[in-house]
């Protein structure tokens, strides 16, 4: 786990984790310039932000969870 700036959460640095396999599939479809392994996800509850490890401005958001 690493700590990075999260544009969605603001405030102090947030914990980021590696992507799950399902998240990697989403990132692979959205971002074609880098491998999904180059991206990490904000671990804060409710945050859907993912961003490249070495460039916080290169990122996006996972869609909201579907109905349960």
PDB file of N, CA and C in Angstrom:
ATOM      1  N   UNK A   1       0.846  -1.169   0.000  1.00  0.00           N
ATOM      2  CA  UNK A   1       0.000   0.000   0.000  1.00  0.00           C
ATOM      3  C   UNK A   1       0.894   1.234   0.000  1.00  0.00           C
ATOM      4  N   UNK A   2       0.477   2.235  -0.767  1.00  0.00           N
ATOM      5  CA  UNK A   2       1.232   3.477  -0.811  1.00  0.00           C
ATOM      6  C   UNK A   2       0.283   4.635  -0.509  1.00  0.00           C
ATOM      7  N   UNK A   3       0.840   5.776  -0.235  1.00  0.00           N
ATOM      8  CA  UNK A   3       0.053   6.961   0.106  1.00  0.00           C
ATOM      9  C   UNK A   3       0.301   8.034  -0.942  1.00  0.00           C
ATOM     10  N   UNK A   4      -0.799   8.522  -1.512  1.00  0.00           N
ATOM     11  CA  UNK A   4      -0.729   9.470  -2.628  1.00  0.00           C
ATOM     12  C   UNK A   4      -1.807  10.534  -2.466  1.00  0.00           C
ATOM     13  N   UNK A   5      -1.676  11.579  -3.284  1.00  0.00           N
ATOM     14  CA  UNK A   5      -2.699  12.611  -3.361  1.00  0.00           C
ATOM     15  C   UNK A   5      -3.898  12.028  -4.108  1.00  0.00           C
ATOM     16  N   UNK A   6      -5.092  12.223  -3.586  1.00  0.00           N
ATOM     17  CA  UNK A   6      -6.314  11.791  -4.265  1.00  0.00           C
ATOM     18  C   UNK A   6      -7.160  13.026  -4.538  1.00  0.00           C
ATOM     19  N   UNK A   7      -7.330  13.397  -5.810  1.00  0.00           N
ATOM     20  CA  UNK A   7      -8.115  14.585  -6.128  1.00  0.00           C
ATOM     21  C   UNK A   7      -9.563  14.492  -5.644  1.00  0.00           C
ATOM     22  N   UNK A   8     -10.099  13.300  -5.513  1.00  0.00           N
ATOM     23  CA  UNK A   8     -11.483  13.140  -5.058  1.00  0.00           C
ATOM     24  C   UNK A   8     -11.614  13.355  -3.558  1.00  0.00           C
ATOM     25  N   UNK A   9     -10.668  12.838  -2.822  1.00  0.00           N
ATOM     26  CA  UNK A   9     -10.757  12.865  -1.361  1.00  0.00           C
ATOM     27  C   UNK A   9     -10.219  14.161  -0.773  1.00  0.00           C
ATOM     28  N   UNK A  10      -9.239  14.769  -1.436  1.00  0.00           N
ATOM     29  CA  UNK A  10      -8.640  15.983  -0.898  1.00  0.00           C
ATOM     30  C   UNK A  10      -7.944  15.698   0.428  1.00  0.00           C
ATOM     31  N   UNK A  11      -7.661  16.740   1.156  1.00  0.00           N
ATOM     32  CA  UNK A  11      -7.064  16.587   2.473  1.00  0.00           C
ATOM     33  C   UNK A  11      -5.706  15.919   2.446  1.00  0.00           C
ATOM     34  N   UNK A  12      -5.391  15.191   3.519  1.00  0.00           N
ATOM     35  CA  UNK A  12      -4.079  14.549   3.600  1.00  0.00           C
ATOM     36  C   UNK A  12      -3.943  13.418   2.582  1.00  0.00           C
ATOM     37  N   UNK A  13      -2.759  12.888   2.474  1.00  0.00           N
ATOM     38  CA  UNK A  13      -2.523  11.774   1.557  1.00  0.00           C
ATOM     39  C   UNK A  13      -3.422  10.597   1.911  1.00  0.00           C
ATOM     40  N   UNK A  14      -3.852   9.883   0.885  1.00  0.00           N
ATOM     41  CA  UNK A  14      -4.742   8.737   1.071  1.00  0.00           C
ATOM     42  C   UNK A  14      -4.003   7.439   0.756  1.00  0.00           C
ATOM     43  N   UNK A  15      -4.440   6.363   1.363  1.00  0.00           N
ATOM     44  CA  UNK A  15      -3.888   5.039   1.074  1.00  0.00           C
ATOM     45  C   UNK A  15      -4.396   4.585  -0.294  1.00  0.00           C
ATOM     46  N   UNK A  16      -3.499   4.022  -1.096  1.00  0.00           N
ATOM     47  CA  UNK A  16      -3.845   3.445  -2.388  1.00  0.00           C
ATOM     48  C   UNK A  16      -3.399   1.993  -2.393  1.00  0.00           C
ATOM     49  N   UNK A  17      -4.170   1.156  -3.064  1.00  0.00           N
ATOM     50  CA  UNK A  17      -3.865  -0.273  -3.144  1.00  0.00           C
ATOM     51  C   UNK A  17      -3.779  -0.702  -4.599  1.00  0.00           C
ATOM     52  N   UNK A  18      -3.238  -1.905  -4.822  1.00  0.00           N
ATOM     53  CA  UNK A  18      -3.196  -2.475  -6.167  1.00  0.00           C
ATOM     54  C   UNK A  18      -4.619  -2.778  -6.635  1.00  0.00           C
ATOM     55  N   UNK A  19      -4.792  -2.852  -7.938  1.00  0.00           N
ATOM     56  CA  UNK A  19      -6.097  -3.157  -8.511  1.00  0.00           C
ATOM     57  C   UNK A  19      -6.402  -4.647  -8.431  1.00  0.00           C
ATOM     58  N   UNK A  20      -7.678  -4.968  -8.288  1.00  0.00           N
ATOM     59  CA  UNK A  20      -8.115  -6.360  -8.379  1.00  0.00           C
ATOM     60  C   UNK A  20      -8.143  -6.741  -9.865  1.00  0.00           C
ATOM     61  N   UNK A  21      -8.326  -8.005 -10.165  1.00  0.00           N
ATOM     62  CA  UNK A  21      -8.391  -8.450 -11.563  1.00  0.00           C
ATOM     63  C   UNK A  21      -9.565  -7.801 -12.288  1.00  0.00           C
ATOM     64  N   UNK A  22     -10.706  -7.674 -11.652  1.00  0.00           N
ATOM     65  CA  UNK A  22     -11.869  -7.034 -12.268  1.00  0.00           C
ATOM     66  C   UNK A  22     -11.584  -5.560 -12.555  1.00  0.00           C
ATOM     67  N   UNK A  23     -10.937  -4.882 -11.622  1.00  0.00           N
ATOM     68  CA  UNK A  23     -10.572  -3.479 -11.816  1.00  0.00           C
ATOM     69  C   UNK A  23      -9.560  -3.325 -12.950  1.00  0.00           C
ATOM     70  N   UNK A  24      -8.635  -4.267 -13.070  1.00  0.00           N
ATOM     71  CA  UNK A  24      -7.658  -4.225 -14.165  1.00  0.00           C
ATOM     72  C   UNK A  24      -8.355  -4.317 -15.513  1.00  0.00           C
ATOM     73  N   UNK A  25      -9.404  -5.138 -15.622  1.00  0.00           N
ATOM     74  CA  UNK A  25     -10.147  -5.252 -16.880  1.00  0.00           C
ATOM     75  C   UNK A  25     -10.784  -3.905 -17.255  1.00  0.00           C
ATOM     76  N   UNK A  26     -11.342  -3.217 -16.263  1.00  0.00           N
ATOM     77  CA  UNK A  26     -11.942  -1.900 -16.510  1.00  0.00           C
ATOM     78  C   UNK A  26     -10.885  -0.905 -16.981  1.00  0.00           C
ATOM     79  N   UNK A  27      -9.753  -0.856 -16.289  1.00  0.00           N
ATOM     80  CA  UNK A  27      -8.687   0.083 -16.632  1.00  0.00           C
ATOM     81  C   UNK A  27      -8.113  -0.242 -18.010  1.00  0.00           C
ATOM     82  N   UNK A  28      -7.969  -1.517 -18.328  1.00  0.00           N
ATOM     83  CA  UNK A  28      -7.450  -1.927 -19.642  1.00  0.00           C
ATOM     84  C   UNK A  28      -8.340  -1.377 -20.765  1.00  0.00           C
ATOM     85  N   UNK A  29      -9.646  -1.353 -20.540  1.00  0.00           N
ATOM     86  CA  UNK A  29     -10.578  -0.837 -21.546  1.00  0.00           C
ATOM     87  C   UNK A  29     -10.562   0.687 -21.616  1.00  0.00           C
ATOM     88  N   UNK A  30     -10.310   1.357 -20.511  1.00  0.00           N
ATOM     89  CA  UNK A  30     -10.350   2.818 -20.455  1.00  0.00           C
ATOM     90  C   UNK A  30      -9.020   3.481 -20.803  1.00  0.00           C
ATOM     91  N   UNK A  31      -7.916   2.891 -20.371  1.00  0.00           N
ATOM     92  CA  UNK A  31      -6.594   3.494 -20.524  1.00  0.00           C
ATOM     93  C   UNK A  31      -5.717   2.566 -21.360  1.00  0.00           C
ATOM     94  N   UNK A  32      -5.382   2.985 -22.561  1.00  0.00           N
ATOM     95  CA  UNK A  32      -4.621   2.103 -23.444  1.00  0.00           C
ATOM     96  C   UNK A  32      -3.130   2.415 -23.485  1.00  0.00           C
ATOM     97  N   UNK A  33      -2.707   3.514 -22.887  1.00  0.00           N
ATOM     98  CA  UNK A  33      -1.303   3.900 -22.968  1.00  0.00           C
ATOM     99  C   UNK A  33      -0.379   3.165 -22.023  1.00  0.00           C
ATOM    100  N   UNK A  34      -0.911   2.635 -20.935  1.00  0.00           N
ATOM    101  CA  UNK A  34      -0.105   1.944 -19.928  1.00  0.00           C
ATOM    102  C   UNK A  34      -0.796   0.650 -19.520  1.00  0.00           C
ATOM    103  N   UNK A  35      -0.013  -0.290 -19.051  1.00  0.00           N
ATOM    104  CA  UNK A  35      -0.579  -1.548 -18.536  1.00  0.00           C
ATOM    105  C   UNK A  35      -1.400  -1.254 -17.273  1.00  0.00           C
ATOM    106  N   UNK A  36      -2.430  -2.036 -17.002  1.00  0.00           N
ATOM    107  CA  UNK A  36      -3.238  -1.823 -15.800  1.00  0.00           C
ATOM    108  C   UNK A  36      -2.409  -1.877 -14.510  1.00  0.00           C
ATOM    109  N   UNK A  37      -1.306  -2.603 -14.534  1.00  0.00           N
ATOM    110  CA  UNK A  37      -0.449  -2.697 -13.343  1.00  0.00           C
ATOM    111  C   UNK A  37       0.194  -1.353 -12.993  1.00  0.00           C
ATOM    112  N   UNK A  38       0.150  -0.394 -13.915  1.00  0.00           N
ATOM    113  CA  UNK A  38       0.700   0.937 -13.661  1.00  0.00           C
ATOM    114  C   UNK A  38      -0.257   1.790 -12.825  1.00  0.00           C
ATOM    115  N   UNK A  39      -1.461   1.275 -12.566  1.00  0.00           N
ATOM    116  CA  UNK A  39      -2.486   2.037 -11.858  1.00  0.00           C
ATOM    117  C   UNK A  39      -2.757   1.453 -10.472  1.00  0.00           C
ATOM    118  N   UNK A  40      -3.208   2.320  -9.581  1.00  0.00           N
ATOM    119  CA  UNK A  40      -3.584   1.938  -8.223  1.00  0.00           C
ATOM    120  C   UNK A  40      -4.928   2.577  -7.903  1.00  0.00           C
ATOM    121  N   UNK A  41      -5.579   2.079  -6.861  1.00  0.00           N
ATOM    122  CA  UNK A  41      -6.902   2.574  -6.489  1.00  0.00           C
ATOM    123  C   UNK A  41      -6.888   3.146  -5.088  1.00  0.00           C
ATOM    124  N   UNK A  42      -7.604   4.254  -4.919  1.00  0.00           N
ATOM    125  CA  UNK A  42      -7.750   4.836  -3.589  1.00  0.00           C
ATOM    126  C   UNK A  42      -8.498   3.843  -2.701  1.00  0.00           C
ATOM    127  N   UNK A  43      -7.981   3.623  -1.517  1.00  0.00           N
ATOM    128  CA  UNK A  43      -8.557   2.626  -0.612  1.00  0.00           C
ATOM    129  C   UNK A  43      -9.576   3.227   0.359  1.00  0.00           C
ATOM    130  N   UNK A  44      -9.821   4.530   0.267  1.00  0.00           N
ATOM    131  CA  UNK A  44     -10.782   5.159   1.172  1.00  0.00           C
ATOM    132  C   UNK A  44     -12.195   4.674   0.873  1.00  0.00           C
ATOM    133  N   UNK A  45     -12.956   4.399   1.893  1.00  0.00           N
ATOM    134  CA  UNK A  45     -14.337   3.912   1.779  1.00  0.00           C
ATOM    135  C   UNK A  45     -15.153   4.837   0.875  1.00  0.00           C
ATOM    136  N   UNK A  46     -15.759   4.271  -0.159  1.00  0.00           N
ATOM    137  CA  UNK A  46     -16.627   5.021  -1.049  1.00  0.00           C
ATOM    138  C   UNK A  46     -15.931   5.725  -2.208  1.00  0.00           C
ATOM    139  N   UNK A  47     -14.619   5.825  -2.205  1.00  0.00           N
ATOM    140  CA  UNK A  47     -13.907   6.494  -3.290  1.00  0.00           C
ATOM    141  C   UNK A  47     -13.725   5.516  -4.450  1.00  0.00           C
ATOM    142  N   UNK A  48     -13.997   5.968  -5.663  1.00  0.00           N
ATOM    143  CA  UNK A  48     -13.888   5.119  -6.852  1.00  0.00           C
ATOM    144  C   UNK A  48     -12.720   5.525  -7.741  1.00  0.00           C
ATOM    145  N   UNK A  49     -11.819   6.368  -7.242  1.00  0.00           N
ATOM    146  CA  UNK A  49     -10.704   6.907  -8.023  1.00  0.00           C
ATOM    147  C   UNK A  49      -9.598   5.884  -8.240  1.00  0.00           C
ATOM    148  N   UNK A  50      -9.075   5.832  -9.472  1.00  0.00           N
ATOM    149  CA  UNK A  50      -7.835   5.112  -9.753  1.00  0.00           C
ATOM    150  C   UNK A  50      -6.914   6.076 -10.478  1.00  0.00           C
ATOM    151  N   UNK A  51      -5.622   5.885 -10.326  1.00  0.00           N
ATOM    152  CA  UNK A  51      -4.659   6.765 -10.974  1.00  0.00           C
ATOM    153  C   UNK A  51      -3.345   6.036 -11.166  1.00  0.00           C
ATOM    154  N   UNK A  52      -2.563   6.578 -12.097  1.00  0.00           N
ATOM    155  CA  UNK A  52      -1.268   5.961 -12.377  1.00  0.00           C
ATOM    156  C   UNK A  52      -0.341   6.184 -11.197  1.00  0.00           C
ATOM    157  N   UNK A  53       0.458   5.192 -10.886  1.00  0.00           N
ATOM    158  CA  UNK A  53       1.357   5.246  -9.727  1.00  0.00           C
ATOM    159  C   UNK A  53       2.245   6.486  -9.730  1.00  0.00           C
ATOM    160  N   UNK A  54       2.761   6.851 -10.892  1.00  0.00           N
ATOM    161  CA  UNK A  54       3.737   7.932 -10.958  1.00  0.00           C
ATOM    162  C   UNK A  54       3.167   9.243 -11.499  1.00  0.00           C
ATOM    163  N   UNK A  55       1.844   9.319 -11.698  1.00  0.00           N
ATOM    164  CA  UNK A  55       1.244  10.549 -12.217  1.00  0.00           C
ATOM    165  C   UNK A  55      -0.213  10.605 -11.776  1.00  0.00           C
ATOM    166  N   UNK A  56      -0.478  11.285 -10.683  1.00  0.00           N
ATOM    167  CA  UNK A  56      -1.834  11.308 -10.134  1.00  0.00           C
ATOM    168  C   UNK A  56      -2.848  11.928 -11.090  1.00  0.00           C
ATOM    169  N   UNK A  57      -2.400  12.773 -12.029  1.00  0.00           N
ATOM    170  CA  UNK A  57      -3.356  13.410 -12.932  1.00  0.00           C
ATOM    171  C   UNK A  57      -3.823  12.474 -14.052  1.00  0.00           C
ATOM    172  N   UNK A  58      -3.171  11.330 -14.226  1.00  0.00           N
ATOM    173  CA  UNK A  58      -3.587  10.341 -15.216  1.00  0.00           C
ATOM    174  C   UNK A  58      -4.391   9.269 -14.490  1.00  0.00           C
ATOM    175  N   UNK A  59      -5.696   9.434 -14.486  1.00  0.00           N
ATOM    176  CA  UNK A  59      -6.529   8.474 -13.776  1.00  0.00           C
ATOM    177  C   UNK A  59      -7.979   8.577 -14.245  1.00  0.00           C
ATOM    178  N   UNK A  60      -8.834   8.014 -13.449  1.00  0.00           N
ATOM    179  CA  UNK A  60     -10.254   8.017 -13.766  1.00  0.00           C
ATOM    180  C   UNK A  60     -11.029   7.469 -12.578  1.00  0.00           C
ATOM    181  N   UNK A  61     -12.257   7.079 -12.873  1.00  0.00           N
ATOM    182  CA  UNK A  61     -13.148   6.599 -11.811  1.00  0.00           C
ATOM    183  C   UNK A  61     -13.830   5.310 -12.240  1.00  0.00           C
ATOM    184  N   UNK A  62     -13.969   4.409 -11.308  1.00  0.00           N
ATOM    185  CA  UNK A  62     -14.729   3.198 -11.553  1.00  0.00           C
ATOM    186  C   UNK A  62     -16.212   3.561 -11.478  1.00  0.00           C
ATOM    187  N   UNK A  63     -17.058   2.857 -12.220  1.00  0.00           N
ATOM    188  CA  UNK A  63     -18.493   3.145 -12.148  1.00  0.00           C
ATOM    189  C   UNK A  63     -19.030   2.791 -10.761  1.00  0.00           C
ATOM    190  N   UNK A  64     -20.131   3.420 -10.372  1.00  0.00           N
ATOM    191  CA  UNK A  64     -20.706   3.075  -9.077  1.00  0.00           C
ATOM    192  C   UNK A  64     -21.143   1.608  -9.073  1.00  0.00           C
ATOM    193  N   UNK A  65     -21.155   1.006  -7.900  1.00  0.00           N
ATOM    194  CA  UNK A  65     -21.569  -0.397  -7.829  1.00  0.00           C
ATOM    195  C   UNK A  65     -23.030  -0.547  -8.285  1.00  0.00           C
ATOM    196  N   UNK A  66     -23.296  -1.686  -8.897  1.00  0.00           N
ATOM    197  CA  UNK A  66     -24.654  -1.961  -9.362  1.00  0.00           C
ATOM    198  C   UNK A  66     -25.581  -2.274  -8.204  1.00  0.00           C
ATOM    199  N   UNK A  67     -26.865  -2.421  -8.491  1.00  0.00           N
ATOM    200  CA  UNK A  67     -27.819  -2.763  -7.420  1.00  0.00           C
ATOM    201  C   UNK A  67     -27.494  -4.118  -6.815  1.00  0.00           C
ATOM    202  N   UNK A  68     -27.719  -4.213  -5.539  1.00  0.00           N
ATOM    203  CA  UNK A  68     -27.407  -5.460  -4.815  1.00  0.00           C
ATOM    204  C   UNK A  68     -28.474  -6.492  -4.982  1.00  0.00           C
TER     205      UNK A  68
END
